[in-house]
Amino acid sequence: MHATRAEGGSGKLSHGALAAAILAGLIALGCLVWGVFRLGAFEPDWLLRLRHSLAEAGFRASATWAEFSDWIRLGQ
């Protein structure tokens, strides 16, 4: 018994499958670069500042949301 291909198939990847493969490759490449930088203990100053500013923004957003939910709950 030999396996045969389905009739009508062109054997080419669809545009969606190609886009998914390219995206997966870019993510894998980004993870590889990140891993190499982490192993080498390379952290640029702008990355440290970005991490701090995002943490601060998250803290402020959560405090604002808590204040708003208290305001709604109390019916003010």
PDB file of N, CA and C in Angstrom:
ATOM      1  N   MET A   1       0.833  -1.181   0.000  1.00  0.00           N
ATOM      2  CA  MET A   1       0.000   0.000   0.000  1.00  0.00           C
ATOM      3  C   MET A   1       0.877   1.244   0.000  1.00  0.00           C
ATOM      4  N   HIS A   2       0.557   2.133  -0.861  1.00  0.00           N
ATOM      5  CA  HIS A   2       1.269   3.399  -0.935  1.00  0.00           C
ATOM      6  C   HIS A   2       0.331   4.523  -0.541  1.00  0.00           C
ATOM      7  N   ALA A   3       0.870   5.460   0.235  1.00  0.00           N
ATOM      8  CA  ALA A   3       0.067   6.625   0.609  1.00  0.00           C
ATOM      9  C   ALA A   3       0.056   7.590  -0.575  1.00  0.00           C
ATOM     10  N   THR A   4      -1.112   8.069  -0.900  1.00  0.00           N
ATOM     11  CA  THR A   4      -1.230   9.003  -2.006  1.00  0.00           C
ATOM     12  C   THR A   4      -1.719  10.334  -1.486  1.00  0.00           C
ATOM     13  N   ARG A   5      -1.402  11.354  -2.211  1.00  0.00           N
ATOM     14  CA  ARG A   5      -1.848  12.693  -1.844  1.00  0.00           C
ATOM     15  C   ARG A   5      -3.298  12.873  -2.246  1.00  0.00           C
ATOM     16  N   ALA A   6      -3.975  13.730  -1.503  1.00  0.00           N
ATOM     17  CA  ALA A   6      -5.362  14.039  -1.835  1.00  0.00           C
ATOM     18  C   ALA A   6      -5.387  14.792  -3.165  1.00  0.00           C
ATOM     19  N   GLU A   7      -6.372  14.496  -3.944  1.00  0.00           N
ATOM     20  CA  GLU A   7      -6.500  15.149  -5.241  1.00  0.00           C
ATOM     21  C   GLU A   7      -6.840  16.626  -5.049  1.00  0.00           C
ATOM     22  N   GLY A   8      -6.293  17.458  -5.880  1.00  0.00           N
ATOM     23  CA  GLY A   8      -6.621  18.875  -5.867  1.00  0.00           C
ATOM     24  C   GLY A   8      -5.711  19.706  -4.990  1.00  0.00           C
ATOM     25  N   GLY A   9      -4.852  19.104  -4.207  1.00  0.00           N
ATOM     26  CA  GLY A   9      -3.942  19.864  -3.356  1.00  0.00           C
ATOM     27  C   GLY A   9      -2.749  20.340  -4.151  1.00  0.00           C
ATOM     28  N   SER A  10      -2.336  21.555  -3.938  1.00  0.00           N
ATOM     29  CA  SER A  10      -1.211  22.086  -4.684  1.00  0.00           C
ATOM     30  C   SER A  10       0.105  21.885  -3.947  1.00  0.00           C
ATOM     31  N   GLY A  11       0.044  21.536  -2.651  1.00  0.00           N
ATOM     32  CA  GLY A  11       1.260  21.323  -1.894  1.00  0.00           C
ATOM     33  C   GLY A  11       1.895  22.603  -1.398  1.00  0.00           C
ATOM     34  N   LYS A  12       1.277  23.739  -1.632  1.00  0.00           N
ATOM     35  CA  LYS A  12       1.813  25.015  -1.186  1.00  0.00           C
ATOM     36  C   LYS A  12       1.171  25.408   0.144  1.00  0.00           C
ATOM     37  N   LEU A  13       1.901  26.195   0.910  1.00  0.00           N
ATOM     38  CA  LEU A  13       1.367  26.705   2.173  1.00  0.00           C
ATOM     39  C   LEU A  13       0.406  27.856   1.908  1.00  0.00           C
ATOM     40  N   SER A  14      -0.621  27.932   2.712  1.00  0.00           N
ATOM     41  CA  SER A  14      -1.541  29.060   2.574  1.00  0.00           C
ATOM     42  C   SER A  14      -0.877  30.308   3.147  1.00  0.00           C
ATOM     43  N   HIS A  15      -1.457  31.450   2.872  1.00  0.00           N
ATOM     44  CA  HIS A  15      -0.902  32.715   3.366  1.00  0.00           C
ATOM     45  C   HIS A  15      -0.939  32.765   4.887  1.00  0.00           C
ATOM     46  N   GLY A  16      -2.005  32.243   5.482  1.00  0.00           N
ATOM     47  CA  GLY A  16      -2.112  32.243   6.936  1.00  0.00           C
ATOM     48  C   GLY A  16      -1.059  31.362   7.585  1.00  0.00           C
ATOM     49  N   ALA A  17      -0.814  30.185   6.989  1.00  0.00           N
ATOM     50  CA  ALA A  17       0.203  29.278   7.533  1.00  0.00           C
ATOM     51  C   ALA A  17       1.595  29.877   7.380  1.00  0.00           C
ATOM     52  N   LEU A  18       1.828  30.547   6.285  1.00  0.00           N
ATOM     53  CA  LEU A  18       3.122  31.191   6.062  1.00  0.00           C
ATOM     54  C   LEU A  18       3.326  32.332   7.048  1.00  0.00           C
ATOM     55  N   ALA A  19       2.290  33.132   7.283  1.00  0.00           N
ATOM     56  CA  ALA A  19       2.386  34.233   8.242  1.00  0.00           C
ATOM     57  C   ALA A  19       2.619  33.695   9.655  1.00  0.00           C
ATOM     58  N   ALA A  20       1.947  32.601  10.007  1.00  0.00           N
ATOM     59  CA  ALA A  20       2.135  31.995  11.330  1.00  0.00           C
ATOM     60  C   ALA A  20       3.553  31.457  11.486  1.00  0.00           C
ATOM     61  N   ALA A  21       4.098  30.861  10.438  1.00  0.00           N
ATOM     62  CA  ALA A  21       5.462  30.332  10.486  1.00  0.00           C
ATOM     63  C   ALA A  21       6.478  31.461  10.630  1.00  0.00           C
ATOM     64  N   ILE A  22       6.268  32.561   9.920  1.00  0.00           N
ATOM     65  CA  ILE A  22       7.167  33.713  10.018  1.00  0.00           C
ATOM     66  C   ILE A  22       7.086  34.321  11.408  1.00  0.00           C
ATOM     67  N   LEU A  23       5.880  34.458  11.940  1.00  0.00           N
ATOM     68  CA  LEU A  23       5.710  35.010  13.289  1.00  0.00           C
ATOM     69  C   LEU A  23       6.376  34.114  14.330  1.00  0.00           C
ATOM     70  N   ALA A  24       6.212  32.813  14.207  1.00  0.00           N
ATOM     71  CA  ALA A  24       6.845  31.877  15.142  1.00  0.00           C
ATOM     72  C   ALA A  24       8.364  31.977  15.047  1.00  0.00           C
ATOM     73  N   GLY A  25       8.884  32.135  13.857  1.00  0.00           N
ATOM     74  CA  GLY A  25      10.329  32.289  13.678  1.00  0.00           C
ATOM     75  C   GLY A  25      10.845  33.572  14.320  1.00  0.00           C
ATOM     76  N   LEU A  26      10.101  34.665  14.162  1.00  0.00           N
ATOM     77  CA  LEU A  26      10.513  35.932  14.772  1.00  0.00           C
ATOM     78  C   LEU A  26      10.466  35.859  16.293  1.00  0.00           C
ATOM     79  N   ILE A  27       9.445  35.192  16.826  1.00  0.00           N
ATOM     80  CA  ILE A  27       9.357  35.033  18.280  1.00  0.00           C
ATOM     81  C   ILE A  27      10.515  34.183  18.786  1.00  0.00           C
ATOM     82  N   ALA A  28      10.826  33.107  18.071  1.00  0.00           N
ATOM     83  CA  ALA A  28      11.947  32.251  18.468  1.00  0.00           C
ATOM     84  C   ALA A  28      13.261  33.016  18.407  1.00  0.00           C
ATOM     85  N   LEU A  29      13.449  33.825  17.385  1.00  0.00           N
ATOM     86  CA  LEU A  29      14.660  34.628  17.265  1.00  0.00           C
ATOM     87  C   LEU A  29      14.750  35.643  18.399  1.00  0.00           C
ATOM     88  N   GLY A  30      13.634  36.279  18.729  1.00  0.00           N
ATOM     89  CA  GLY A  30      13.622  37.223  19.842  1.00  0.00           C
ATOM     90  C   GLY A  30      13.949  36.548  21.160  1.00  0.00           C
ATOM     91  N   CYS A  31      13.418  35.347  21.377  1.00  0.00           N
ATOM     92  CA  CYS A  31      13.727  34.602  22.605  1.00  0.00           C
ATOM     93  C   CYS A  31      15.195  34.225  22.652  1.00  0.00           C
ATOM     94  N   LEU A  32      15.767  33.855  21.523  1.00  0.00           N
ATOM     95  CA  LEU A  32      17.180  33.512  21.465  1.00  0.00           C
ATOM     96  C   LEU A  32      18.050  34.721  21.803  1.00  0.00           C
ATOM     97  N   VAL A  33      17.745  35.866  21.212  1.00  0.00           N
ATOM     98  CA  VAL A  33      18.504  37.089  21.499  1.00  0.00           C
ATOM     99  C   VAL A  33      18.362  37.468  22.970  1.00  0.00           C
ATOM    100  N   TRP A  34      17.143  37.396  23.495  1.00  0.00           N
ATOM    101  CA  TRP A  34      16.917  37.696  24.907  1.00  0.00           C
ATOM    102  C   TRP A  34      17.721  36.753  25.796  1.00  0.00           C
ATOM    103  N   GLY A  35      17.733  35.464  25.477  1.00  0.00           N
ATOM    104  CA  GLY A  35      18.477  34.486  26.266  1.00  0.00           C
ATOM    105  C   GLY A  35      19.973  34.751  26.264  1.00  0.00           C
ATOM    106  N   VAL A  36      20.516  35.108  25.094  1.00  0.00           N
ATOM    107  CA  VAL A  36      21.944  35.413  25.006  1.00  0.00           C
ATOM    108  C   VAL A  36      22.269  36.643  25.846  1.00  0.00           C
ATOM    109  N   PHE A  37      21.433  37.673  25.773  1.00  0.00           N
ATOM    110  CA  PHE A  37      21.672  38.873  26.579  1.00  0.00           C
ATOM    111  C   PHE A  37      21.572  38.573  28.062  1.00  0.00           C
ATOM    112  N   ARG A  38      20.619  37.739  28.463  1.00  0.00           N
ATOM    113  CA  ARG A  38      20.463  37.404  29.882  1.00  0.00           C
ATOM    114  C   ARG A  38      21.648  36.580  30.375  1.00  0.00           C
ATOM    115  N   LEU A  39      22.137  35.651  29.569  1.00  0.00           N
ATOM    116  CA  LEU A  39      23.297  34.856  29.971  1.00  0.00           C
ATOM    117  C   LEU A  39      24.542  35.727  30.107  1.00  0.00           C
ATOM    118  N   GLY A  40      24.644  36.719  29.255  1.00  0.00           N
ATOM    119  CA  GLY A  40      25.792  37.623  29.299  1.00  0.00           C
ATOM    120  C   GLY A  40      25.622  38.758  30.292  1.00  0.00           C
ATOM    121  N   ALA A  41      24.503  38.776  31.016  1.00  0.00           N
ATOM    122  CA  ALA A  41      24.199  39.826  32.002  1.00  0.00           C
ATOM    123  C   ALA A  41      24.245  41.212  31.368  1.00  0.00           C
ATOM    124  N   PHE A  42      23.784  41.312  30.140  1.00  0.00           N
ATOM    125  CA  PHE A  42      23.756  42.597  29.448  1.00  0.00           C
ATOM    126  C   PHE A  42      22.379  43.208  29.610  1.00  0.00           C
ATOM    127  N   GLU A  43      22.301  44.302  30.352  1.00  0.00           N
ATOM    128  CA  GLU A  43      21.052  45.023  30.507  1.00  0.00           C
ATOM    129  C   GLU A  43      21.326  46.509  30.279  1.00  0.00           C
ATOM    130  N   PRO A  44      20.912  47.026  29.140  1.00  0.00           N
ATOM    131  CA  PRO A  44      21.150  48.446  28.882  1.00  0.00           C
ATOM    132  C   PRO A  44      20.341  49.315  29.845  1.00  0.00           C
ATOM    133  N   ASP A  45      20.819  50.530  30.042  1.00  0.00           N
ATOM    134  CA  ASP A  45      20.159  51.454  30.963  1.00  0.00           C
ATOM    135  C   ASP A  45      18.715  51.732  30.561  1.00  0.00           C
ATOM    136  N   TRP A  46      18.468  51.853  29.251  1.00  0.00           N
ATOM    137  CA  TRP A  46      17.111  52.168  28.820  1.00  0.00           C
ATOM    138  C   TRP A  46      16.143  51.045  29.165  1.00  0.00           C
ATOM    139  N   LEU A  47      16.629  49.780  29.198  1.00  0.00           N
ATOM    140  CA  LEU A  47      15.769  48.668  29.546  1.00  0.00           C
ATOM    141  C   LEU A  47      15.396  48.708  31.029  1.00  0.00           C
ATOM    142  N   LEU A  48      16.355  49.068  31.869  1.00  0.00           N
ATOM    143  CA  LEU A  48      16.074  49.199  33.298  1.00  0.00           C
ATOM    144  C   LEU A  48      15.074  50.332  33.546  1.00  0.00           C
ATOM    145  N   ARG A  49      15.260  51.461  32.856  1.00  0.00           N
ATOM    146  CA  ARG A  49      14.322  52.580  33.012  1.00  0.00           C
ATOM    147  C   ARG A  49      12.938  52.216  32.501  1.00  0.00           C
ATOM    148  N   LEU A  50      12.872  51.479  31.398  1.00  0.00           N
ATOM    149  CA  LEU A  50      11.584  51.058  30.854  1.00  0.00           C
ATOM    150  C   LEU A  50      10.871  50.125  31.825  1.00  0.00           C
ATOM    151  N   ARG A  51      11.598  49.175  32.396  1.00  0.00           N
ATOM    152  CA  ARG A  51      11.002  48.247  33.350  1.00  0.00           C
ATOM    153  C   ARG A  51      10.457  48.992  34.563  1.00  0.00           C
ATOM    154  N   HIS A  52      11.219  49.963  35.053  1.00  0.00           N
ATOM    155  CA  HIS A  52      10.775  50.738  36.209  1.00  0.00           C
ATOM    156  C   HIS A  52       9.539  51.576  35.872  1.00  0.00           C
ATOM    157  N   SER A  53       9.539  52.214  34.723  1.00  0.00           N
ATOM    158  CA  SER A  53       8.404  53.065  34.358  1.00  0.00           C
ATOM    159  C   SER A  53       7.139  52.238  34.127  1.00  0.00           C
ATOM    160  N   LEU A  54       7.269  51.038  33.558  1.00  0.00           N
ATOM    161  CA  LEU A  54       6.098  50.181  33.368  1.00  0.00           C
ATOM    162  C   LEU A  54       5.555  49.677  34.703  1.00  0.00           C
ATOM    163  N   ALA A  55       6.454  49.372  35.632  1.00  0.00           N
ATOM    164  CA  ALA A  55       6.002  48.956  36.963  1.00  0.00           C
ATOM    165  C   ALA A  55       5.285  50.098  37.665  1.00  0.00           C
ATOM    166  N   GLU A  56       5.818  51.298  37.546  1.00  0.00           N
ATOM    167  CA  GLU A  56       5.180  52.475  38.153  1.00  0.00           C
ATOM    168  C   GLU A  56       3.819  52.732  37.522  1.00  0.00           C
ATOM    169  N   ALA A  57       3.721  52.617  36.217  1.00  0.00           N
ATOM    170  CA  ALA A  57       2.441  52.821  35.540  1.00  0.00           C
ATOM    171  C   ALA A  57       1.423  51.775  35.980  1.00  0.00           C
ATOM    172  N   GLY A  58       1.855  50.536  36.135  1.00  0.00           N
ATOM    173  CA  GLY A  58       0.951  49.494  36.609  1.00  0.00           C
ATOM    174  C   GLY A  58       0.469  49.757  38.018  1.00  0.00           C
ATOM    175  N   PHE A  59       1.362  50.226  38.877  1.00  0.00           N
ATOM    176  CA  PHE A  59       0.987  50.558  40.251  1.00  0.00           C
ATOM    177  C   PHE A  59      -0.047  51.685  40.271  1.00  0.00           C
ATOM    178  N   ARG A  60       0.208  52.720  39.491  1.00  0.00           N
ATOM    179  CA  ARG A  60      -0.719  53.865  39.462  1.00  0.00           C
ATOM    180  C   ARG A  60      -2.063  53.478  38.857  1.00  0.00           C
ATOM    181  N   ALA A  61      -2.052  52.647  37.822  1.00  0.00           N
ATOM    182  CA  ALA A  61      -3.310  52.218  37.200  1.00  0.00           C
ATOM    183  C   ALA A  61      -4.128  51.368  38.166  1.00  0.00           C
ATOM    184  N   SER A  62      -3.475  50.489  38.913  1.00  0.00           N
ATOM    185  CA  SER A  62      -4.221  49.657  39.860  1.00  0.00           C
ATOM    186  C   SER A  62      -4.781  50.498  40.998  1.00  0.00           C
ATOM    187  N   ALA A  63      -4.037  51.510  41.437  1.00  0.00           N
ATOM    188  CA  ALA A  63      -4.537  52.395  42.491  1.00  0.00           C
ATOM    189  C   ALA A  63      -5.724  53.211  41.983  1.00  0.00           C
ATOM    190  N   THR A  64      -5.648  53.678  40.751  1.00  0.00           N
ATOM    191  CA  THR A  64      -6.760  54.433  40.173  1.00  0.00           C
ATOM    192  C   THR A  64      -7.988  53.551  40.035  1.00  0.00           C
ATOM    193  N   TRP A  65      -7.817  52.320  39.600  1.00  0.00           N
ATOM    194  CA  TRP A  65      -8.941  51.400  39.460  1.00  0.00           C
ATOM    195  C   TRP A  65      -9.560  51.095  40.818  1.00  0.00           C
ATOM    196  N   ALA A  66      -8.738  50.915  41.836  1.00  0.00           N
ATOM    197  CA  ALA A  66      -9.254  50.644  43.179  1.00  0.00           C
ATOM    198  C   ALA A  66     -10.061  51.839  43.687  1.00  0.00           C
ATOM    199  N   GLU A  67      -9.563  53.033  43.450  1.00  0.00           N
ATOM    200  CA  GLU A  67     -10.277  54.242  43.872  1.00  0.00           C
ATOM    201  C   GLU A  67     -11.614  54.353  43.133  1.00  0.00           C
ATOM    202  N   PHE A  68     -11.604  54.074  41.842  1.00  0.00           N
ATOM    203  CA  PHE A  68     -12.837  54.146  41.049  1.00  0.00           C
ATOM    204  C   PHE A  68     -13.852  53.105  41.507  1.00  0.00           C
ATOM    205  N   SER A  69     -13.393  51.878  41.770  1.00  0.00           N
ATOM    206  CA  SER A  69     -14.328  50.846  42.208  1.00  0.00           C
ATOM    207  C   SER A  69     -14.905  51.162  43.586  1.00  0.00           C
ATOM    208  N   ASP A  70     -14.123  51.768  44.466  1.00  0.00           N
ATOM    209  CA  ASP A  70     -14.658  52.227  45.753  1.00  0.00           C
ATOM    210  C   ASP A  70     -15.709  53.311  45.542  1.00  0.00           C
ATOM    211  N   TRP A  71     -15.451  54.221  44.622  1.00  0.00           N
ATOM    212  CA  TRP A  71     -16.383  55.309  44.345  1.00  0.00           C
ATOM    213  C   TRP A  71     -17.697  54.752  43.817  1.00  0.00           C
ATOM    214  N   ILE A  72     -17.627  53.760  42.905  1.00  0.00           N
ATOM    215  CA  ILE A  72     -18.841  53.141  42.350  1.00  0.00           C
ATOM    216  C   ILE A  72     -19.597  52.381  43.425  1.00  0.00           C
ATOM    217  N   ARG A  73     -18.881  51.634  44.243  1.00  0.00           N
ATOM    218  CA  ARG A  73     -19.502  50.799  45.276  1.00  0.00           C
ATOM    219  C   ARG A  73     -20.225  51.662  46.300  1.00  0.00           C
ATOM    220  N   LEU A  74     -19.646  52.785  46.656  1.00  0.00           N
ATOM    221  CA  LEU A  74     -20.250  53.665  47.650  1.00  0.00           C
ATOM    222  C   LEU A  74     -21.362  54.536  47.068  1.00  0.00           C
ATOM    223  N   GLY A  75     -21.452  54.594  45.747  1.00  0.00           N
ATOM    224  CA  GLY A  75     -22.506  55.342  45.072  1.00  0.00           C
ATOM    225  C   GLY A  75     -22.338  56.836  45.167  1.00  0.00           C
ATOM    226  N   GLN A  76     -21.131  57.305  45.166  1.00  0.00           N
ATOM    227  CA  GLN A  76     -20.867  58.734  45.288  1.00  0.00           C
ATOM    228  C   GLN A  76     -21.038  59.426  43.962  1.00  0.00           C
TER     229      GLN A  76
END
